[in-house]
Amino acid sequence: MIATIECISADEIPYLAPEIYLLYKAKGSRPKDEADFMHTLPAVDQERRQWLKKTLATAQPHHPWLNVLVES
């Protein structure tokens, strides 16, 4: 899968793809980033989760979110 940066809502409003948003937030370890991850992940489909898992594993192979992504 090649990630698309922009998605379009049903109301034709553009927004940043959630897996890219989460990848960007993964570089921080703030409580807000953790909360955003847990809140956003349920809305991310399996294909996008796989992309996030693969890309995050390449960029940060010991990131704690990988444990959650493996389980999902």
PDB file of N, CA and C in Angstrom:
ATOM      1  N   MET A   1       0.840  -1.183   0.000  1.00  0.00           N
ATOM      2  CA  MET A   1       0.000   0.000   0.000  1.00  0.00           C
ATOM      3  C   MET A   1       0.878   1.237   0.000  1.00  0.00           C
ATOM      4  N   ILE A   2       0.517   2.173  -0.807  1.00  0.00           N
ATOM      5  CA  ILE A   2       1.156   3.486  -0.804  1.00  0.00           C
ATOM      6  C   ILE A   2       0.216   4.416  -0.059  1.00  0.00           C
ATOM      7  N   ALA A   3       0.718   5.049   0.968  1.00  0.00           N
ATOM      8  CA  ALA A   3      -0.120   5.933   1.772  1.00  0.00           C
ATOM      9  C   ALA A   3      -0.477   7.182   0.981  1.00  0.00           C
ATOM     10  N   THR A   4      -1.727   7.577   1.102  1.00  0.00           N
ATOM     11  CA  THR A   4      -2.144   8.852   0.539  1.00  0.00           C
ATOM     12  C   THR A   4      -2.156   9.852   1.675  1.00  0.00           C
ATOM     13  N   ILE A   5      -1.650  11.012   1.396  1.00  0.00           N
ATOM     14  CA  ILE A   5      -1.534  12.019   2.449  1.00  0.00           C
ATOM     15  C   ILE A   5      -2.886  12.625   2.785  1.00  0.00           C
ATOM     16  N   GLU A   6      -3.687  12.826   1.778  1.00  0.00           N
ATOM     17  CA  GLU A   6      -4.951  13.504   1.992  1.00  0.00           C
ATOM     18  C   GLU A   6      -6.116  12.569   1.732  1.00  0.00           C
ATOM     19  N   CYS A   7      -7.105  12.649   2.589  1.00  0.00           N
ATOM     20  CA  CYS A   7      -8.355  11.923   2.413  1.00  0.00           C
ATOM     21  C   CYS A   7      -9.465  12.963   2.264  1.00  0.00           C
ATOM     22  N   ILE A   8     -10.608  12.519   1.789  1.00  0.00           N
ATOM     23  CA  ILE A   8     -11.757  13.405   1.621  1.00  0.00           C
ATOM     24  C   ILE A   8     -12.934  12.802   2.380  1.00  0.00           C
ATOM     25  N   SER A   9     -13.561  13.596   3.220  1.00  0.00           N
ATOM     26  CA  SER A   9     -14.713  13.116   3.981  1.00  0.00           C
ATOM     27  C   SER A   9     -15.937  13.021   3.079  1.00  0.00           C
ATOM     28  N   ALA A  10     -17.002  12.447   3.609  1.00  0.00           N
ATOM     29  CA  ALA A  10     -18.259  12.347   2.864  1.00  0.00           C
ATOM     30  C   ALA A  10     -18.803  13.729   2.504  1.00  0.00           C
ATOM     31  N   ASP A  11     -18.445  14.726   3.296  1.00  0.00           N
ATOM     32  CA  ASP A  11     -18.859  16.108   3.035  1.00  0.00           C
ATOM     33  C   ASP A  11     -17.856  16.853   2.166  1.00  0.00           C
ATOM     34  N   GLU A  12     -16.911  16.096   1.584  1.00  0.00           N
ATOM     35  CA  GLU A  12     -15.876  16.619   0.697  1.00  0.00           C
ATOM     36  C   GLU A  12     -14.913  17.583   1.394  1.00  0.00           C
ATOM     37  N   ILE A  13     -14.661  17.308   2.662  1.00  0.00           N
ATOM     38  CA  ILE A  13     -13.696  18.096   3.425  1.00  0.00           C
ATOM     39  C   ILE A  13     -12.387  17.315   3.469  1.00  0.00           C
ATOM     40  N   PRO A  14     -11.286  17.915   3.006  1.00  0.00           N
ATOM     41  CA  PRO A  14     -10.008  17.191   3.030  1.00  0.00           C
ATOM     42  C   PRO A  14      -9.448  17.097   4.454  1.00  0.00           C
ATOM     43  N   TYR A  15      -8.796  15.984   4.732  1.00  0.00           N
ATOM     44  CA  TYR A  15      -8.143  15.812   6.025  1.00  0.00           C
ATOM     45  C   TYR A  15      -6.915  14.921   5.847  1.00  0.00           C
ATOM     46  N   LEU A  16      -5.988  15.028   6.775  1.00  0.00           N
ATOM     47  CA  LEU A  16      -4.759  14.245   6.744  1.00  0.00           C
ATOM     48  C   LEU A  16      -5.082  12.786   7.044  1.00  0.00           C
ATOM     49  N   ALA A  17      -4.516  11.874   6.257  1.00  0.00           N
ATOM     50  CA  ALA A  17      -4.739  10.445   6.474  1.00  0.00           C
ATOM     51  C   ALA A  17      -4.350  10.086   7.911  1.00  0.00           C
ATOM     52  N   PRO A  18      -5.181   9.326   8.617  1.00  0.00           N
ATOM     53  CA  PRO A  18      -4.917   9.066  10.036  1.00  0.00           C
ATOM     54  C   PRO A  18      -3.616   8.319  10.304  1.00  0.00           C
ATOM     55  N   GLU A  19      -3.205   7.421   9.418  1.00  0.00           N
ATOM     56  CA  GLU A  19      -1.957   6.692   9.656  1.00  0.00           C
ATOM     57  C   GLU A  19      -0.744   7.602   9.546  1.00  0.00           C
ATOM     58  N   ILE A  20      -0.824   8.613   8.715  1.00  0.00           N
ATOM     59  CA  ILE A  20       0.281   9.574   8.600  1.00  0.00           C
ATOM     60  C   ILE A  20       0.285  10.500   9.813  1.00  0.00           C
ATOM     61  N   TYR A  21      -0.880  10.896  10.232  1.00  0.00           N
ATOM     62  CA  TYR A  21      -1.018  11.699  11.455  1.00  0.00           C
ATOM     63  C   TYR A  21      -0.389  10.956  12.640  1.00  0.00           C
ATOM     64  N   LEU A  22      -0.702   9.664  12.769  1.00  0.00           N
ATOM     65  CA  LEU A  22      -0.159   8.879  13.885  1.00  0.00           C
ATOM     66  C   LEU A  22       1.344   8.669  13.757  1.00  0.00           C
ATOM     67  N   LEU A  23       1.821   8.456  12.544  1.00  0.00           N
ATOM     68  CA  LEU A  23       3.269   8.303  12.353  1.00  0.00           C
ATOM     69  C   LEU A  23       3.995   9.564  12.807  1.00  0.00           C
ATOM     70  N   TYR A  24       3.482  10.713  12.445  1.00  0.00           N
ATOM     71  CA  TYR A  24       4.077  11.982  12.865  1.00  0.00           C
ATOM     72  C   TYR A  24       4.045  12.102  14.388  1.00  0.00           C
ATOM     73  N   LYS A  25       2.920  11.745  15.006  1.00  0.00           N
ATOM     74  CA  LYS A  25       2.791  11.868  16.460  1.00  0.00           C
ATOM     75  C   LYS A  25       3.642  10.857  17.204  1.00  0.00           C
ATOM     76  N   ALA A  26       4.048   9.774  16.537  1.00  0.00           N
ATOM     77  CA  ALA A  26       4.841   8.725  17.191  1.00  0.00           C
ATOM     78  C   ALA A  26       6.205   9.219  17.644  1.00  0.00           C
ATOM     79  N   LYS A  27       6.686  10.293  17.046  1.00  0.00           N
ATOM     80  CA  LYS A  27       8.018  10.776  17.435  1.00  0.00           C
ATOM     81  C   LYS A  27       8.018  11.416  18.816  1.00  0.00           C
ATOM     82  N   GLY A  28       6.855  11.782  19.304  1.00  0.00           N
ATOM     83  CA  GLY A  28       6.754  12.357  20.641  1.00  0.00           C
ATOM     84  C   GLY A  28       6.378  11.286  21.648  1.00  0.00           C
ATOM     85  N   SER A  29       6.518  11.604  22.889  1.00  0.00           N
ATOM     86  CA  SER A  29       6.090  10.647  23.914  1.00  0.00           C
ATOM     87  C   SER A  29       5.241  11.365  24.946  1.00  0.00           C
ATOM     88  N   ARG A  30       4.549  12.383  24.467  1.00  0.00           N
ATOM     89  CA  ARG A  30       3.709  13.159  25.370  1.00  0.00           C
ATOM     90  C   ARG A  30       2.407  12.411  25.666  1.00  0.00           C
ATOM     91  N   PRO A  31       1.818  12.637  26.794  1.00  0.00           N
ATOM     92  CA  PRO A  31       0.520  12.016  27.088  1.00  0.00           C
ATOM     93  C   PRO A  31      -0.531  12.319  26.014  1.00  0.00           C
ATOM     94  N   LYS A  32      -0.475  13.531  25.440  1.00  0.00           N
ATOM     95  CA  LYS A  32      -1.417  13.889  24.379  1.00  0.00           C
ATOM     96  C   LYS A  32      -1.242  12.987  23.163  1.00  0.00           C
ATOM     97  N   ASP A  33      -0.003  12.672  22.800  1.00  0.00           N
ATOM     98  CA  ASP A  33       0.249  11.792  21.653  1.00  0.00           C
ATOM     99  C   ASP A  33      -0.283  10.387  21.919  1.00  0.00           C
ATOM    100  N   GLU A  34      -0.091   9.903  23.138  1.00  0.00           N
ATOM    101  CA  GLU A  34      -0.596   8.586  23.509  1.00  0.00           C
ATOM    102  C   GLU A  34      -2.124   8.561  23.448  1.00  0.00           C
ATOM    103  N   ALA A  35      -2.750   9.612  23.962  1.00  0.00           N
ATOM    104  CA  ALA A  35      -4.213   9.694  23.933  1.00  0.00           C
ATOM    105  C   ALA A  35      -4.724   9.763  22.498  1.00  0.00           C
ATOM    106  N   ASP A  36      -4.056  10.544  21.665  1.00  0.00           N
ATOM    107  CA  ASP A  36      -4.451  10.649  20.257  1.00  0.00           C
ATOM    108  C   ASP A  36      -4.334   9.297  19.560  1.00  0.00           C
ATOM    109  N   PHE A  37      -3.275   8.556  19.857  1.00  0.00           N
ATOM    110  CA  PHE A  37      -3.086   7.232  19.264  1.00  0.00           C
ATOM    111  C   PHE A  37      -4.237   6.304  19.653  1.00  0.00           C
ATOM    112  N   MET A  38      -4.544   6.239  20.935  1.00  0.00           N
ATOM    113  CA  MET A  38      -5.593   5.339  21.406  1.00  0.00           C
ATOM    114  C   MET A  38      -6.972   5.763  20.900  1.00  0.00           C
ATOM    115  N   HIS A  39      -7.173   7.047  20.724  1.00  0.00           N
ATOM    116  CA  HIS A  39      -8.460   7.550  20.249  1.00  0.00           C
ATOM    117  C   HIS A  39      -8.618   7.352  18.738  1.00  0.00           C
ATOM    118  N   THR A  40      -7.541   7.520  17.988  1.00  0.00           N
ATOM    119  CA  THR A  40      -7.593   7.468  16.531  1.00  0.00           C
ATOM    120  C   THR A  40      -7.526   6.047  15.987  1.00  0.00           C
ATOM    121  N   LEU A  41      -6.779   5.176  16.622  1.00  0.00           N
ATOM    122  CA  LEU A  41      -6.549   3.831  16.092  1.00  0.00           C
ATOM    123  C   LEU A  41      -7.828   3.061  15.742  1.00  0.00           C
ATOM    124  N   PRO A  42      -8.886   3.105  16.549  1.00  0.00           N
ATOM    125  CA  PRO A  42     -10.084   2.346  16.181  1.00  0.00           C
ATOM    126  C   PRO A  42     -10.703   2.771  14.836  1.00  0.00           C
ATOM    127  N   ALA A  43     -10.435   3.984  14.401  1.00  0.00           N
ATOM    128  CA  ALA A  43     -10.988   4.475  13.136  1.00  0.00           C
ATOM    129  C   ALA A  43     -10.104   4.134  11.937  1.00  0.00           C
ATOM    130  N   VAL A  44      -8.944   3.530  12.180  1.00  0.00           N
ATOM    131  CA  VAL A  44      -7.993   3.226  11.106  1.00  0.00           C
ATOM    132  C   VAL A  44      -8.247   1.800  10.623  1.00  0.00           C
ATOM    133  N   ASP A  45      -8.502   1.663   9.320  1.00  0.00           N
ATOM    134  CA  ASP A  45      -8.781   0.322   8.793  1.00  0.00           C
ATOM    135  C   ASP A  45      -7.521  -0.542   8.782  1.00  0.00           C
ATOM    136  N   GLN A  46      -7.702  -1.828   8.543  1.00  0.00           N
ATOM    137  CA  GLN A  46      -6.603  -2.796   8.643  1.00  0.00           C
ATOM    138  C   GLN A  46      -5.455  -2.493   7.674  1.00  0.00           C
ATOM    139  N   GLU A  47      -5.771  -2.102   6.468  1.00  0.00           N
ATOM    140  CA  GLU A  47      -4.724  -1.807   5.484  1.00  0.00           C
ATOM    141  C   GLU A  47      -3.865  -0.627   5.933  1.00  0.00           C
ATOM    142  N   ARG A  48      -4.507   0.385   6.453  1.00  0.00           N
ATOM    143  CA  ARG A  48      -3.764   1.561   6.933  1.00  0.00           C
ATOM    144  C   ARG A  48      -2.970   1.232   8.197  1.00  0.00           C
ATOM    145  N   ARG A  49      -3.518   0.369   9.051  1.00  0.00           N
ATOM    146  CA  ARG A  49      -2.775  -0.073  10.245  1.00  0.00           C
ATOM    147  C   ARG A  49      -1.518  -0.828   9.844  1.00  0.00           C
ATOM    148  N   GLN A  50      -1.631  -1.662   8.834  1.00  0.00           N
ATOM    149  CA  GLN A  50      -0.465  -2.416   8.360  1.00  0.00           C
ATOM    150  C   GLN A  50       0.615  -1.465   7.847  1.00  0.00           C
ATOM    151  N   TRP A  51       0.204  -0.449   7.118  1.00  0.00           N
ATOM    152  CA  TRP A  51       1.171   0.540   6.623  1.00  0.00           C
ATOM    153  C   TRP A  51       1.851   1.229   7.808  1.00  0.00           C
ATOM    154  N   LEU A  52       1.053   1.648   8.800  1.00  0.00           N
ATOM    155  CA  LEU A  52       1.612   2.320   9.975  1.00  0.00           C
ATOM    156  C   LEU A  52       2.574   1.408  10.708  1.00  0.00           C
ATOM    157  N   LYS A  53       2.193   0.155  10.899  1.00  0.00           N
ATOM    158  CA  LYS A  53       3.051  -0.801  11.601  1.00  0.00           C
ATOM    159  C   LYS A  53       4.378  -0.993  10.858  1.00  0.00           C
ATOM    160  N   LYS A  54       4.313  -1.185   9.568  1.00  0.00           N
ATOM    161  CA  LYS A  54       5.523  -1.400   8.770  1.00  0.00           C
ATOM    162  C   LYS A  54       6.421  -0.159   8.780  1.00  0.00           C
ATOM    163  N   THR A  55       5.825   0.986   8.592  1.00  0.00           N
ATOM    164  CA  THR A  55       6.603   2.231   8.525  1.00  0.00           C
ATOM    165  C   THR A  55       7.176   2.598   9.888  1.00  0.00           C
ATOM    166  N   LEU A  56       6.386   2.448  10.926  1.00  0.00           N
ATOM    167  CA  LEU A  56       6.878   2.745  12.272  1.00  0.00           C
ATOM    168  C   LEU A  56       7.981   1.775  12.671  1.00  0.00           C
ATOM    169  N   ALA A  57       7.852   0.514  12.305  1.00  0.00           N
ATOM    170  CA  ALA A  57       8.893  -0.481  12.615  1.00  0.00           C
ATOM    171  C   ALA A  57      10.204  -0.132  11.916  1.00  0.00           C
ATOM    172  N   THR A  58      10.115   0.442  10.734  1.00  0.00           N
ATOM    173  CA  THR A  58      11.316   0.856  10.015  1.00  0.00           C
ATOM    174  C   THR A  58      11.941   2.091  10.659  1.00  0.00           C
ATOM    175  N   ALA A  59      11.106   3.057  11.013  1.00  0.00           N
ATOM    176  CA  ALA A  59      11.601   4.324  11.564  1.00  0.00           C
ATOM    177  C   ALA A  59      12.010   4.212  13.028  1.00  0.00           C
ATOM    178  N   GLN A  60      11.228   3.459  13.806  1.00  0.00           N
ATOM    179  CA  GLN A  60      11.468   3.350  15.246  1.00  0.00           C
ATOM    180  C   GLN A  60      11.165   1.912  15.688  1.00  0.00           C
ATOM    181  N   PRO A  61      12.080   0.994  15.445  1.00  0.00           N
ATOM    182  CA  PRO A  61      11.794  -0.427  15.662  1.00  0.00           C
ATOM    183  C   PRO A  61      11.435  -0.831  17.090  1.00  0.00           C
ATOM    184  N   HIS A  62      11.669   0.028  18.057  1.00  0.00           N
ATOM    185  CA  HIS A  62      11.359  -0.319  19.455  1.00  0.00           C
ATOM    186  C   HIS A  62      10.223   0.534  20.020  1.00  0.00           C
ATOM    187  N   HIS A  63       9.475   1.171  19.137  1.00  0.00           N
ATOM    188  CA  HIS A  63       8.402   2.055  19.598  1.00  0.00           C
ATOM    189  C   HIS A  63       7.303   1.226  20.280  1.00  0.00           C
ATOM    190  N   PRO A  64       6.804   1.671  21.431  1.00  0.00           N
ATOM    191  CA  PRO A  64       5.794   0.898  22.166  1.00  0.00           C
ATOM    192  C   PRO A  64       4.466   0.735  21.414  1.00  0.00           C
ATOM    193  N   TRP A  65       4.145   1.596  20.493  1.00  0.00           N
ATOM    194  CA  TRP A  65       2.905   1.453  19.724  1.00  0.00           C
ATOM    195  C   TRP A  65       2.920   0.201  18.863  1.00  0.00           C
ATOM    196  N   LEU A  66       4.093  -0.288  18.528  1.00  0.00           N
ATOM    197  CA  LEU A  66       4.162  -1.498  17.705  1.00  0.00           C
ATOM    198  C   LEU A  66       3.506  -2.675  18.399  1.00  0.00           C
ATOM    199  N   ASN A  67       3.603  -2.747  19.711  1.00  0.00           N
ATOM    200  CA  ASN A  67       2.951  -3.827  20.457  1.00  0.00           C
ATOM    201  C   ASN A  67       1.433  -3.768  20.280  1.00  0.00           C
ATOM    202  N   VAL A  68       0.882  -2.590  20.285  1.00  0.00           N
ATOM    203  CA  VAL A  68      -0.562  -2.413  20.108  1.00  0.00           C
ATOM    204  C   VAL A  68      -0.947  -2.738  18.664  1.00  0.00           C
ATOM    205  N   LEU A  69      -0.136  -2.306  17.707  1.00  0.00           N
ATOM    206  CA  LEU A  69      -0.443  -2.539  16.302  1.00  0.00           C
ATOM    207  C   LEU A  69      -0.374  -4.021  15.953  1.00  0.00           C
ATOM    208  N   VAL A  70       0.508  -4.772  16.599  1.00  0.00           N
ATOM    209  CA  VAL A  70       0.617  -6.205  16.357  1.00  0.00           C
ATOM    210  C   VAL A  70      -0.649  -6.910  16.834  1.00  0.00           C
ATOM    211  N   GLU A  71      -1.190  -6.462  17.949  1.00  0.00           N
ATOM    212  CA  GLU A  71      -2.372  -7.072  18.534  1.00  0.00           C
ATOM    213  C   GLU A  71      -3.638  -6.745  17.750  1.00  0.00           C
ATOM    214  N   SER A  72      -3.641  -5.659  17.026  1.00  0.00           N
ATOM    215  CA  SER A  72      -4.874  -5.231  16.345  1.00  0.00           C
ATOM    216  C   SER A  72      -5.045  -5.872  14.999  1.00  0.00           C
TER     217      SER A  72
END
